[in-house]
Amino acid sequence: MSDRMMTVWGDSRSGNCLKVKFVADFLGIPYRWVETSVLKAETRTSDFLAINPAGQVPVVVLPDGQPLAQSNAIMLFLAEGSDLIPGDRVDRALMFQWLFWEQYSHEPVIAVRRFQKVFLGKPDADIDPLLLSRGERVLGLMDAHLAGRSYFVGDRLSLADVALVAYTRFAGEAGFDLVRWPHVAGWVGRVEAALGLMPPEGR
């Protein structure tokens, strides 16, 4: 990193955006945060699209002016050379496994159901019921994996935990009571403590 500061465009209600903040804060990387509301269509302005033509947050502009999008790609860039990326080759591959799974199987369920309930104000009757059953399977898989272990990969915090905790910590807002998945609930608390996060209001 140069002496110039990285800029992060993000919506602070988005777990994907918060991942970037969590990693930067944990590693002491300075940045300027530009609040960018998805609901207000601030990702569709010409100025924003000039930075990220995909019209999505988060996106960062690095100190040299290079833009970089996609939350997990940004996390990997920021964490390169740190303990958040396992040194062991197998553990590193397992971290990638969970990062891919998070975006393909976890985020499209937990995050989408939360968005529809909290931000769009939809009653449960108007939300695809498959999101509930799929979310229960996702949390069940996580709970089984965490039985007898503290973190997702190896014995220490990694980007796999950061990626997965971002929306799991808000699972209650999506209608999933983590009391049903005690290993997940315990892991959320450990990761929040490691990252220096306060639990979400109301949990």
N, C-alpha and C. Protein backbone atom coordinates (compact mmCIF):
# COMPACT_ATOMS: atom_id res chain seq x y z
N MET A 1 0.84 -1.20 0.00
CA MET A 1 0.00 0.00 0.00
C MET A 1 0.88 1.26 0.00
N SER A 2 0.49 2.26 -0.77
CA SER A 2 1.24 3.51 -0.77
C SER A 2 0.71 4.41 0.34
N ASP A 3 1.25 5.63 0.40
CA ASP A 3 0.82 6.57 1.42
C ASP A 3 -0.59 7.10 1.15
N ARG A 4 -1.05 7.02 -0.10
CA ARG A 4 -2.41 7.44 -0.42
C ARG A 4 -3.40 6.43 0.15
N MET A 5 -4.60 6.89 0.42
CA MET A 5 -5.58 6.04 1.09
C MET A 5 -6.52 5.36 0.10
N MET A 6 -6.82 4.11 0.38
CA MET A 6 -7.81 3.38 -0.38
C MET A 6 -9.20 3.94 -0.10
N THR A 7 -10.05 3.96 -1.13
CA THR A 7 -11.44 4.38 -0.97
C THR A 7 -12.35 3.19 -1.16
N VAL A 8 -13.31 3.03 -0.24
CA VAL A 8 -14.28 1.94 -0.30
C VAL A 8 -15.67 2.52 -0.52
N TRP A 9 -16.32 2.13 -1.60
CA TRP A 9 -17.72 2.44 -1.81
C TRP A 9 -18.52 1.25 -1.30
N GLY A 10 -19.39 1.49 -0.31
CA GLY A 10 -20.13 0.37 0.26
C GLY A 10 -21.41 0.82 0.93
N ASP A 11 -22.36 -0.09 1.03
CA ASP A 11 -23.61 0.12 1.74
C ASP A 11 -23.44 -0.56 3.10
N SER A 12 -23.49 0.21 4.18
CA SER A 12 -23.17 -0.33 5.50
C SER A 12 -24.20 -1.33 6.01
N ARG A 13 -25.31 -1.50 5.29
CA ARG A 13 -26.29 -2.53 5.66
C ARG A 13 -26.01 -3.85 4.96
N SER A 14 -25.01 -3.86 4.09
CA SER A 14 -24.70 -5.05 3.28
C SER A 14 -23.57 -5.86 3.91
N GLY A 15 -23.82 -7.14 4.12
CA GLY A 15 -22.76 -8.00 4.63
C GLY A 15 -21.58 -8.07 3.69
N ASN A 16 -21.84 -8.08 2.39
CA ASN A 16 -20.73 -8.13 1.43
C ASN A 16 -19.83 -6.91 1.57
N CYS A 17 -20.42 -5.77 1.80
CA CYS A 17 -19.62 -4.55 1.98
C CYS A 17 -18.89 -4.57 3.32
N LEU A 18 -19.57 -5.05 4.35
CA LEU A 18 -18.96 -5.09 5.67
C LEU A 18 -17.75 -6.02 5.72
N LYS A 19 -17.74 -7.06 4.88
CA LYS A 19 -16.56 -7.94 4.83
C LYS A 19 -15.29 -7.13 4.60
N VAL A 20 -15.36 -6.20 3.66
CA VAL A 20 -14.20 -5.38 3.31
C VAL A 20 -13.79 -4.53 4.52
N LYS A 21 -14.77 -3.93 5.16
CA LYS A 21 -14.51 -3.11 6.36
C LYS A 21 -13.88 -3.97 7.45
N PHE A 22 -14.44 -5.16 7.68
CA PHE A 22 -13.92 -6.03 8.75
C PHE A 22 -12.44 -6.34 8.52
N VAL A 23 -12.08 -6.70 7.29
CA VAL A 23 -10.70 -7.08 7.00
C VAL A 23 -9.78 -5.86 7.11
N ALA A 24 -10.19 -4.75 6.55
CA ALA A 24 -9.35 -3.55 6.62
C ALA A 24 -9.14 -3.12 8.06
N ASP A 25 -10.21 -3.12 8.85
CA ASP A 25 -10.08 -2.73 10.25
C ASP A 25 -9.19 -3.70 11.01
N PHE A 26 -9.39 -4.99 10.80
CA PHE A 26 -8.62 -6.02 11.52
C PHE A 26 -7.13 -5.90 11.21
N LEU A 27 -6.80 -5.60 9.97
CA LEU A 27 -5.40 -5.53 9.54
C LEU A 27 -4.82 -4.12 9.66
N GLY A 28 -5.63 -3.17 10.09
CA GLY A 28 -5.14 -1.80 10.26
C GLY A 28 -4.84 -1.09 8.96
N ILE A 29 -5.60 -1.42 7.91
CA ILE A 29 -5.41 -0.78 6.61
C ILE A 29 -6.28 0.47 6.55
N PRO A 30 -5.70 1.63 6.33
CA PRO A 30 -6.51 2.86 6.30
C PRO A 30 -7.36 2.94 5.03
N TYR A 31 -8.53 3.53 5.17
CA TYR A 31 -9.41 3.67 4.02
C TYR A 31 -10.39 4.81 4.26
N ARG A 32 -10.96 5.28 3.18
CA ARG A 32 -12.04 6.26 3.24
C ARG A 32 -13.31 5.55 2.79
N TRP A 33 -14.35 5.60 3.61
CA TRP A 33 -15.61 4.93 3.31
C TRP A 33 -16.58 5.90 2.67
N VAL A 34 -17.14 5.53 1.52
CA VAL A 34 -18.16 6.34 0.86
C VAL A 34 -19.47 5.57 0.91
N GLU A 35 -20.38 6.02 1.76
CA GLU A 35 -21.66 5.33 1.90
C GLU A 35 -22.44 5.41 0.60
N THR A 36 -22.85 4.24 0.10
CA THR A 36 -23.48 4.14 -1.22
C THR A 36 -24.72 3.26 -1.09
N SER A 37 -25.89 3.87 -1.12
CA SER A 37 -27.14 3.14 -0.87
C SER A 37 -27.62 2.40 -2.11
N VAL A 38 -27.81 1.11 -1.94
CA VAL A 38 -28.40 0.32 -3.03
C VAL A 38 -29.87 0.67 -3.21
N LEU A 39 -30.59 0.84 -2.10
CA LEU A 39 -32.02 1.13 -2.18
C LEU A 39 -32.31 2.48 -2.82
N LYS A 40 -31.38 3.41 -2.69
CA LYS A 40 -31.55 4.73 -3.32
C LYS A 40 -30.97 4.78 -4.73
N ALA A 41 -30.60 3.61 -5.24
CA ALA A 41 -30.06 3.48 -6.61
C ALA A 41 -28.78 4.29 -6.81
N GLU A 42 -28.01 4.46 -5.73
CA GLU A 42 -26.75 5.20 -5.87
C GLU A 42 -25.68 4.40 -6.59
N THR A 43 -25.93 3.12 -6.79
CA THR A 43 -25.01 2.30 -7.58
C THR A 43 -25.34 2.36 -9.06
N ARG A 44 -26.34 3.15 -9.42
CA ARG A 44 -26.75 3.26 -10.82
C ARG A 44 -26.44 4.63 -11.41
N THR A 45 -25.78 5.48 -10.66
CA THR A 45 -25.44 6.80 -11.18
C THR A 45 -24.28 6.68 -12.17
N SER A 46 -24.16 7.66 -13.02
CA SER A 46 -23.09 7.62 -14.02
C SER A 46 -21.71 7.67 -13.35
N ASP A 47 -21.61 8.44 -12.26
CA ASP A 47 -20.32 8.53 -11.56
C ASP A 47 -19.92 7.18 -10.98
N PHE A 48 -20.90 6.48 -10.38
CA PHE A 48 -20.57 5.18 -9.80
C PHE A 48 -20.26 4.16 -10.89
N LEU A 49 -21.05 4.14 -11.95
CA LEU A 49 -20.83 3.17 -13.02
C LEU A 49 -19.49 3.39 -13.72
N ALA A 50 -18.97 4.59 -13.64
CA ALA A 50 -17.64 4.83 -14.19
C ALA A 50 -16.56 4.11 -13.37
N ILE A 51 -16.87 3.88 -12.09
CA ILE A 51 -15.94 3.15 -11.22
C ILE A 51 -16.14 1.65 -11.36
N ASN A 52 -17.40 1.23 -11.30
CA ASN A 52 -17.73 -0.20 -11.43
C ASN A 52 -18.90 -0.35 -12.38
N PRO A 53 -18.64 -0.67 -13.64
CA PRO A 53 -19.72 -0.80 -14.63
C PRO A 53 -20.75 -1.86 -14.27
N ALA A 54 -20.40 -2.79 -13.37
CA ALA A 54 -21.37 -3.80 -12.94
C ALA A 54 -22.44 -3.21 -12.02
N GLY A 55 -22.21 -2.01 -11.51
CA GLY A 55 -23.21 -1.35 -10.68
C GLY A 55 -23.44 -2.05 -9.35
N GLN A 56 -22.37 -2.55 -8.73
CA GLN A 56 -22.49 -3.27 -7.47
C GLN A 56 -21.51 -2.72 -6.45
N VAL A 57 -21.91 -2.80 -5.20
CA VAL A 57 -20.99 -2.57 -4.08
C VAL A 57 -20.74 -3.91 -3.39
N PRO A 58 -19.58 -4.05 -2.78
CA PRO A 58 -18.52 -3.06 -2.61
C PRO A 58 -17.63 -2.94 -3.84
N VAL A 59 -17.00 -1.80 -3.94
CA VAL A 59 -15.92 -1.61 -4.89
C VAL A 59 -14.91 -0.70 -4.20
N VAL A 60 -13.64 -0.98 -4.41
CA VAL A 60 -12.61 -0.12 -3.85
C VAL A 60 -11.80 0.50 -4.98
N VAL A 61 -11.28 1.66 -4.71
CA VAL A 61 -10.27 2.24 -5.58
C VAL A 61 -8.98 2.25 -4.78
N LEU A 62 -7.99 1.53 -5.25
CA LEU A 62 -6.73 1.38 -4.55
C LEU A 62 -5.93 2.68 -4.63
N PRO A 63 -4.93 2.83 -3.79
CA PRO A 63 -4.17 4.08 -3.77
C PRO A 63 -3.58 4.49 -5.12
N ASP A 64 -3.33 3.51 -6.00
CA ASP A 64 -2.79 3.86 -7.32
C ASP A 64 -3.87 4.15 -8.35
N GLY A 65 -5.16 4.15 -7.90
CA GLY A 65 -6.27 4.46 -8.80
C GLY A 65 -6.94 3.24 -9.42
N GLN A 66 -6.44 2.05 -9.14
CA GLN A 66 -7.01 0.83 -9.70
C GLN A 66 -8.29 0.45 -8.97
N PRO A 67 -9.43 0.31 -9.68
CA PRO A 67 -10.63 -0.17 -9.02
C PRO A 67 -10.63 -1.69 -8.90
N LEU A 68 -11.26 -2.18 -7.86
CA LEU A 68 -11.38 -3.63 -7.63
C LEU A 68 -12.73 -3.90 -7.01
N ALA A 69 -13.48 -4.82 -7.62
CA ALA A 69 -14.83 -5.14 -7.14
C ALA A 69 -14.88 -6.60 -6.68
N GLN A 70 -16.06 -6.98 -6.18
CA GLN A 70 -16.37 -8.30 -5.65
C GLN A 70 -15.74 -8.48 -4.27
N SER A 71 -16.60 -8.66 -3.28
CA SER A 71 -16.17 -8.65 -1.88
C SER A 71 -15.05 -9.63 -1.57
N ASN A 72 -15.16 -10.86 -2.06
CA ASN A 72 -14.15 -11.85 -1.71
C ASN A 72 -12.83 -11.58 -2.41
N ALA A 73 -12.89 -11.04 -3.63
CA ALA A 73 -11.65 -10.66 -4.31
C ALA A 73 -10.96 -9.53 -3.56
N ILE A 74 -11.74 -8.57 -3.07
CA ILE A 74 -11.16 -7.45 -2.32
C ILE A 74 -10.53 -7.96 -1.02
N MET A 75 -11.25 -8.84 -0.31
CA MET A 75 -10.69 -9.39 0.92
C MET A 75 -9.37 -10.10 0.67
N LEU A 76 -9.32 -10.90 -0.39
CA LEU A 76 -8.10 -11.64 -0.70
C LEU A 76 -6.95 -10.69 -1.00
N PHE A 77 -7.24 -9.62 -1.71
CA PHE A 77 -6.20 -8.64 -2.00
C PHE A 77 -5.68 -8.00 -0.72
N LEU A 78 -6.61 -7.56 0.13
CA LEU A 78 -6.21 -6.87 1.35
C LEU A 78 -5.45 -7.78 2.32
N ALA A 79 -5.83 -9.04 2.35
CA ALA A 79 -5.28 -9.97 3.35
C ALA A 79 -4.03 -10.70 2.87
N GLU A 80 -3.62 -10.46 1.64
CA GLU A 80 -2.45 -11.18 1.13
C GLU A 80 -1.25 -10.97 2.05
N GLY A 81 -0.62 -12.09 2.42
CA GLY A 81 0.55 -12.05 3.30
C GLY A 81 0.22 -12.03 4.78
N SER A 82 -1.08 -12.00 5.12
CA SER A 82 -1.48 -11.98 6.53
C SER A 82 -1.91 -13.37 6.99
N ASP A 83 -2.13 -13.49 8.30
CA ASP A 83 -2.56 -14.77 8.86
C ASP A 83 -4.01 -15.11 8.51
N LEU A 84 -4.74 -14.18 7.91
CA LEU A 84 -6.12 -14.48 7.50
C LEU A 84 -6.17 -15.42 6.31
N ILE A 85 -5.04 -15.60 5.64
CA ILE A 85 -4.93 -16.57 4.55
C ILE A 85 -3.98 -17.67 5.00
N PRO A 86 -4.45 -18.90 5.14
CA PRO A 86 -3.60 -19.97 5.66
C PRO A 86 -2.34 -20.18 4.82
N GLY A 87 -1.26 -20.47 5.49
CA GLY A 87 -0.02 -20.76 4.80
C GLY A 87 0.02 -22.16 4.23
N ASP A 88 -0.68 -23.09 4.89
CA ASP A 88 -0.71 -24.47 4.42
C ASP A 88 -1.52 -24.57 3.13
N ARG A 89 -1.01 -25.30 2.17
CA ARG A 89 -1.64 -25.36 0.85
C ARG A 89 -3.05 -25.94 0.91
N VAL A 90 -3.24 -27.00 1.67
CA VAL A 90 -4.56 -27.62 1.77
C VAL A 90 -5.53 -26.69 2.49
N ASP A 91 -5.10 -26.14 3.60
CA ASP A 91 -5.97 -25.22 4.34
C ASP A 91 -6.34 -24.00 3.48
N ARG A 92 -5.39 -23.54 2.68
CA ARG A 92 -5.69 -22.40 1.80
C ARG A 92 -6.74 -22.79 0.77
N ALA A 93 -6.64 -24.00 0.22
CA ALA A 93 -7.65 -24.46 -0.73
C ALA A 93 -9.01 -24.61 -0.04
N LEU A 94 -9.01 -25.08 1.20
CA LEU A 94 -10.27 -25.20 1.94
C LEU A 94 -10.88 -23.83 2.21
N MET A 95 -10.03 -22.84 2.47
CA MET A 95 -10.55 -21.48 2.64
C MET A 95 -11.25 -21.03 1.36
N PHE A 96 -10.61 -21.27 0.20
CA PHE A 96 -11.24 -20.92 -1.07
C PHE A 96 -12.55 -21.68 -1.26
N GLN A 97 -12.57 -22.95 -0.86
CA GLN A 97 -13.79 -23.76 -0.97
C GLN A 97 -14.95 -23.05 -0.26
N TRP A 98 -14.70 -22.58 0.96
CA TRP A 98 -15.77 -21.93 1.73
C TRP A 98 -16.10 -20.56 1.15
N LEU A 99 -15.12 -19.85 0.61
CA LEU A 99 -15.41 -18.56 -0.02
C LEU A 99 -16.33 -18.74 -1.22
N PHE A 100 -16.07 -19.75 -2.05
CA PHE A 100 -16.93 -20.01 -3.21
C PHE A 100 -18.32 -20.45 -2.76
N TRP A 101 -18.37 -21.31 -1.74
CA TRP A 101 -19.65 -21.81 -1.24
C TRP A 101 -20.48 -20.66 -0.66
N GLU A 102 -19.80 -19.76 0.03
CA GLU A 102 -20.50 -18.63 0.63
C GLU A 102 -21.24 -17.81 -0.43
N GLN A 103 -20.60 -17.55 -1.55
CA GLN A 103 -21.22 -16.74 -2.58
C GLN A 103 -22.25 -17.51 -3.40
N TYR A 104 -22.07 -18.81 -3.53
CA TYR A 104 -22.96 -19.60 -4.39
C TYR A 104 -24.15 -20.17 -3.62
N SER A 105 -23.94 -20.57 -2.36
CA SER A 105 -24.99 -21.29 -1.63
C SER A 105 -25.51 -20.56 -0.40
N HIS A 106 -24.69 -19.76 0.24
CA HIS A 106 -25.06 -19.11 1.50
C HIS A 106 -25.67 -17.72 1.27
N GLU A 107 -24.93 -16.84 0.64
CA GLU A 107 -25.38 -15.47 0.44
C GLU A 107 -26.69 -15.37 -0.34
N PRO A 108 -26.90 -16.19 -1.39
CA PRO A 108 -28.15 -16.09 -2.15
C PRO A 108 -29.38 -16.51 -1.35
N VAL A 109 -29.18 -17.08 -0.17
CA VAL A 109 -30.31 -17.51 0.66
C VAL A 109 -30.48 -16.60 1.87
N ILE A 110 -29.46 -16.57 2.75
CA ILE A 110 -29.56 -15.79 3.97
C ILE A 110 -29.68 -14.30 3.66
N ALA A 111 -28.81 -13.80 2.80
CA ALA A 111 -28.82 -12.37 2.48
C ALA A 111 -30.09 -11.96 1.74
N VAL A 112 -30.52 -12.80 0.80
CA VAL A 112 -31.70 -12.45 0.00
C VAL A 112 -32.96 -12.44 0.87
N ARG A 113 -33.09 -13.43 1.75
CA ARG A 113 -34.27 -13.46 2.62
C ARG A 113 -34.28 -12.28 3.59
N ARG A 114 -33.11 -11.94 4.12
CA ARG A 114 -33.01 -10.77 4.99
C ARG A 114 -33.38 -9.50 4.23
N PHE A 115 -32.88 -9.35 3.02
CA PHE A 115 -33.16 -8.14 2.24
C PHE A 115 -34.66 -8.00 2.00
N GLN A 116 -35.31 -9.11 1.66
CA GLN A 116 -36.74 -9.04 1.37
C GLN A 116 -37.56 -8.74 2.62
N LYS A 117 -37.17 -9.34 3.75
CA LYS A 117 -37.92 -9.11 4.99
C LYS A 117 -37.67 -7.71 5.56
N VAL A 118 -36.41 -7.34 5.66
CA VAL A 118 -36.06 -6.12 6.40
C VAL A 118 -36.13 -4.88 5.51
N PHE A 119 -35.57 -4.94 4.34
CA PHE A 119 -35.42 -3.74 3.53
C PHE A 119 -36.56 -3.53 2.54
N LEU A 120 -37.18 -4.64 2.10
CA LEU A 120 -38.35 -4.49 1.23
C LEU A 120 -39.65 -4.61 2.02
N GLY A 121 -39.56 -5.06 3.28
CA GLY A 121 -40.74 -5.14 4.14
C GLY A 121 -41.75 -6.18 3.72
N LYS A 122 -41.31 -7.23 3.06
CA LYS A 122 -42.25 -8.25 2.61
C LYS A 122 -42.67 -9.17 3.77
N PRO A 123 -43.96 -9.52 3.86
CA PRO A 123 -44.36 -10.55 4.82
C PRO A 123 -43.88 -11.92 4.35
N ASP A 124 -43.75 -12.85 5.29
CA ASP A 124 -43.25 -14.17 4.93
C ASP A 124 -44.07 -14.82 3.82
N ALA A 125 -45.35 -14.55 3.80
CA ALA A 125 -46.22 -15.17 2.79
C ALA A 125 -45.84 -14.76 1.37
N ASP A 126 -45.17 -13.62 1.24
CA ASP A 126 -44.79 -13.12 -0.10
C ASP A 126 -43.35 -13.43 -0.47
N ILE A 127 -42.66 -14.18 0.39
CA ILE A 127 -41.27 -14.54 0.13
C ILE A 127 -41.21 -16.00 -0.30
N ASP A 128 -40.42 -16.28 -1.30
CA ASP A 128 -40.26 -17.65 -1.80
C ASP A 128 -39.98 -18.60 -0.63
N PRO A 129 -40.86 -19.58 -0.36
CA PRO A 129 -40.66 -20.48 0.78
C PRO A 129 -39.39 -21.32 0.66
N LEU A 130 -38.88 -21.48 -0.55
CA LEU A 130 -37.64 -22.25 -0.71
C LEU A 130 -36.46 -21.56 -0.03
N LEU A 131 -36.52 -20.24 0.10
CA LEU A 131 -35.43 -19.54 0.78
C LEU A 131 -35.32 -19.97 2.23
N LEU A 132 -36.45 -20.25 2.86
CA LEU A 132 -36.44 -20.70 4.26
C LEU A 132 -35.84 -22.10 4.37
N SER A 133 -36.34 -23.03 3.57
CA SER A 133 -35.84 -24.40 3.66
C SER A 133 -34.37 -24.50 3.24
N ARG A 134 -33.99 -23.75 2.22
CA ARG A 134 -32.59 -23.75 1.79
C ARG A 134 -31.70 -23.13 2.85
N GLY A 135 -32.19 -22.09 3.50
CA GLY A 135 -31.41 -21.47 4.58
C GLY A 135 -31.21 -22.41 5.74
N GLU A 136 -32.22 -23.17 6.06
CA GLU A 136 -32.09 -24.15 7.15
C GLU A 136 -31.06 -25.22 6.80
N ARG A 137 -31.02 -25.63 5.54
CA ARG A 137 -30.01 -26.62 5.13
C ARG A 137 -28.61 -26.01 5.19
N VAL A 138 -28.48 -24.77 4.76
CA VAL A 138 -27.18 -24.09 4.81
C VAL A 138 -26.67 -24.02 6.25
N LEU A 139 -27.53 -23.59 7.16
CA LEU A 139 -27.12 -23.45 8.55
C LEU A 139 -26.87 -24.81 9.19
N GLY A 140 -27.63 -25.81 8.77
CA GLY A 140 -27.39 -27.16 9.26
C GLY A 140 -26.03 -27.69 8.83
N LEU A 141 -25.66 -27.43 7.59
CA LEU A 141 -24.35 -27.85 7.10
C LEU A 141 -23.24 -27.15 7.88
N MET A 142 -23.40 -25.86 8.10
CA MET A 142 -22.41 -25.12 8.87
C MET A 142 -22.30 -25.65 10.30
N ASP A 143 -23.44 -25.92 10.91
CA ASP A 143 -23.45 -26.40 12.29
C ASP A 143 -22.72 -27.74 12.41
N ALA A 144 -22.97 -28.63 11.45
CA ALA A 144 -22.30 -29.94 11.48
C ALA A 144 -20.79 -29.77 11.29
N HIS A 145 -20.39 -28.87 10.41
CA HIS A 145 -18.96 -28.66 10.18
C HIS A 145 -18.28 -28.08 11.41
N LEU A 146 -18.98 -27.23 12.14
CA LEU A 146 -18.37 -26.55 13.29
C LEU A 146 -18.40 -27.37 14.57
N ALA A 147 -19.08 -28.50 14.55
CA ALA A 147 -19.09 -29.36 15.73
C ALA A 147 -17.66 -29.84 16.02
N GLY A 148 -17.14 -29.48 17.17
CA GLY A 148 -15.80 -29.92 17.54
C GLY A 148 -14.68 -29.06 17.00
N ARG A 149 -15.01 -27.92 16.38
CA ARG A 149 -13.95 -27.02 15.90
C ARG A 149 -14.37 -25.57 16.14
N SER A 150 -13.38 -24.70 16.24
CA SER A 150 -13.65 -23.30 16.56
C SER A 150 -13.82 -22.44 15.33
N TYR A 151 -13.13 -22.79 14.24
CA TYR A 151 -13.18 -21.99 13.02
C TYR A 151 -13.37 -22.90 11.82
N PHE A 152 -13.65 -22.31 10.67
CA PHE A 152 -13.98 -23.13 9.51
C PHE A 152 -12.79 -23.87 8.93
N VAL A 153 -11.61 -23.28 9.01
CA VAL A 153 -10.42 -23.90 8.43
C VAL A 153 -9.30 -23.88 9.47
N GLY A 154 -8.71 -25.05 9.71
CA GLY A 154 -7.63 -25.11 10.67
C GLY A 154 -8.10 -24.74 12.05
N ASP A 155 -7.24 -24.10 12.83
CA ASP A 155 -7.57 -23.77 14.21
C ASP A 155 -7.49 -22.27 14.47
N ARG A 156 -7.65 -21.48 13.40
CA ARG A 156 -7.54 -20.04 13.58
C ARG A 156 -8.45 -19.31 12.61
N LEU A 157 -8.69 -18.05 12.91
CA LEU A 157 -9.52 -17.19 12.07
C LEU A 157 -8.93 -17.06 10.68
N SER A 158 -9.78 -17.18 9.66
CA SER A 158 -9.35 -16.99 8.28
C SER A 158 -10.43 -16.22 7.52
N LEU A 159 -10.15 -15.92 6.26
CA LEU A 159 -11.14 -15.23 5.44
C LEU A 159 -12.41 -16.04 5.27
N ALA A 160 -12.33 -17.36 5.42
CA ALA A 160 -13.54 -18.17 5.35
C ALA A 160 -14.52 -17.75 6.44
N ASP A 161 -14.01 -17.50 7.64
CA ASP A 161 -14.87 -17.08 8.75
C ASP A 161 -15.41 -15.67 8.52
N VAL A 162 -14.56 -14.78 8.03
CA VAL A 162 -15.02 -13.41 7.78
C VAL A 162 -16.14 -13.39 6.75
N ALA A 163 -15.95 -14.15 5.67
CA ALA A 163 -16.96 -14.19 4.61
C ALA A 163 -18.28 -14.74 5.11
N LEU A 164 -18.20 -15.83 5.87
CA LEU A 164 -19.43 -16.50 6.29
C LEU A 164 -20.13 -15.79 7.44
N VAL A 165 -19.38 -15.10 8.29
CA VAL A 165 -20.03 -14.44 9.42
C VAL A 165 -20.78 -13.19 8.99
N ALA A 166 -20.41 -12.61 7.86
CA ALA A 166 -20.95 -11.31 7.46
C ALA A 166 -22.47 -11.31 7.40
N TYR A 167 -23.05 -12.35 6.85
CA TYR A 167 -24.51 -12.45 6.83
C TYR A 167 -25.07 -13.37 7.90
N THR A 168 -24.28 -14.36 8.34
CA THR A 168 -24.79 -15.28 9.37
C THR A 168 -25.12 -14.54 10.65
N ARG A 169 -24.36 -13.51 10.98
CA ARG A 169 -24.62 -12.75 12.21
C ARG A 169 -25.96 -12.01 12.14
N PHE A 170 -26.50 -11.84 10.93
CA PHE A 170 -27.81 -11.22 10.75
C PHE A 170 -28.90 -12.24 10.43
N ALA A 171 -28.61 -13.52 10.67
CA ALA A 171 -29.57 -14.56 10.28
C ALA A 171 -30.92 -14.38 10.96
N GLY A 172 -30.92 -13.86 12.19
CA GLY A 172 -32.18 -13.63 12.88
C GLY A 172 -33.09 -12.68 12.12
N GLU A 173 -32.49 -11.68 11.47
CA GLU A 173 -33.29 -10.74 10.68
C GLU A 173 -33.89 -11.41 9.46
N ALA A 174 -33.28 -12.51 9.03
CA ALA A 174 -33.81 -13.26 7.89
C ALA A 174 -34.83 -14.31 8.32
N GLY A 175 -35.06 -14.42 9.63
CA GLY A 175 -36.03 -15.38 10.13
C GLY A 175 -35.46 -16.70 10.58
N PHE A 176 -34.14 -16.74 10.81
CA PHE A 176 -33.48 -17.97 11.26
C PHE A 176 -32.96 -17.75 12.68
N ASP A 177 -33.53 -18.47 13.64
CA ASP A 177 -33.10 -18.34 15.03
C ASP A 177 -31.89 -19.24 15.26
N LEU A 178 -30.73 -18.64 15.51
CA LEU A 178 -29.50 -19.43 15.64
C LEU A 178 -29.48 -20.31 16.87
N VAL A 179 -30.45 -20.17 17.75
CA VAL A 179 -30.57 -21.12 18.87
C VAL A 179 -30.68 -22.54 18.35
N ARG A 180 -31.26 -22.70 17.17
CA ARG A 180 -31.42 -24.04 16.57
C ARG A 180 -30.09 -24.62 16.10
N TRP A 181 -29.09 -23.75 15.93
CA TRP A 181 -27.79 -24.19 15.43
C TRP A 181 -26.71 -23.69 16.39
N PRO A 182 -26.56 -24.36 17.54
CA PRO A 182 -25.70 -23.84 18.61
C PRO A 182 -24.23 -23.72 18.24
N HIS A 183 -23.73 -24.63 17.39
CA HIS A 183 -22.33 -24.51 16.99
C HIS A 183 -22.11 -23.26 16.14
N VAL A 184 -23.08 -22.95 15.30
CA VAL A 184 -23.00 -21.73 14.50
C VAL A 184 -23.06 -20.50 15.41
N ALA A 185 -23.99 -20.53 16.37
CA ALA A 185 -24.14 -19.39 17.28
C ALA A 185 -22.85 -19.13 18.06
N GLY A 186 -22.23 -20.20 18.55
CA GLY A 186 -20.97 -20.05 19.28
C GLY A 186 -19.86 -19.51 18.40
N TRP A 187 -19.80 -20.01 17.18
CA TRP A 187 -18.78 -19.55 16.22
C TRP A 187 -18.98 -18.08 15.89
N VAL A 188 -20.22 -17.64 15.67
CA VAL A 188 -20.48 -16.23 15.39
C VAL A 188 -19.92 -15.36 16.51
N GLY A 189 -20.16 -15.76 17.76
CA GLY A 189 -19.65 -15.00 18.89
C GLY A 189 -18.13 -14.94 18.91
N ARG A 190 -17.48 -16.06 18.59
CA ARG A 190 -16.01 -16.08 18.58
C ARG A 190 -15.46 -15.18 17.49
N VAL A 191 -16.06 -15.23 16.31
CA VAL A 191 -15.56 -14.43 15.20
C VAL A 191 -15.80 -12.95 15.46
N GLU A 192 -16.97 -12.61 15.98
CA GLU A 192 -17.24 -11.21 16.32
C GLU A 192 -16.22 -10.70 17.34
N ALA A 193 -15.91 -11.53 18.35
CA ALA A 193 -14.93 -11.12 19.36
C ALA A 193 -13.55 -10.94 18.73
N ALA A 194 -13.17 -11.87 17.85
CA ALA A 194 -11.85 -11.79 17.21
C ALA A 194 -11.73 -10.55 16.34
N LEU A 195 -12.84 -10.16 15.70
CA LEU A 195 -12.83 -8.99 14.81
C LEU A 195 -13.13 -7.69 15.55
N GLY A 196 -13.47 -7.80 16.85
CA GLY A 196 -13.79 -6.61 17.62
C GLY A 196 -15.15 -6.02 17.28
N LEU A 197 -16.11 -6.89 16.96
CA LEU A 197 -17.44 -6.44 16.56
C LEU A 197 -18.44 -6.57 17.69
N MET A 198 -19.33 -5.62 17.81
CA MET A 198 -20.46 -5.74 18.72
C MET A 198 -21.55 -6.55 18.02
N PRO A 199 -22.26 -7.42 18.74
CA PRO A 199 -23.37 -8.14 18.11
C PRO A 199 -24.40 -7.18 17.55
N PRO A 200 -25.09 -7.55 16.46
CA PRO A 200 -26.12 -6.67 15.92
C PRO A 200 -27.19 -6.36 16.96
N GLU A 201 -27.74 -5.18 16.88
CA GLU A 201 -28.79 -4.77 17.80
C GLU A 201 -29.97 -5.73 17.72
N GLY A 202 -30.42 -6.18 18.89
CA GLY A 202 -31.58 -7.06 18.91
C GLY A 202 -31.24 -8.54 18.91
N ARG A 203 -29.94 -8.88 18.78
CA ARG A 203 -29.61 -10.31 18.80
C ARG A 203 -29.23 -10.76 20.19
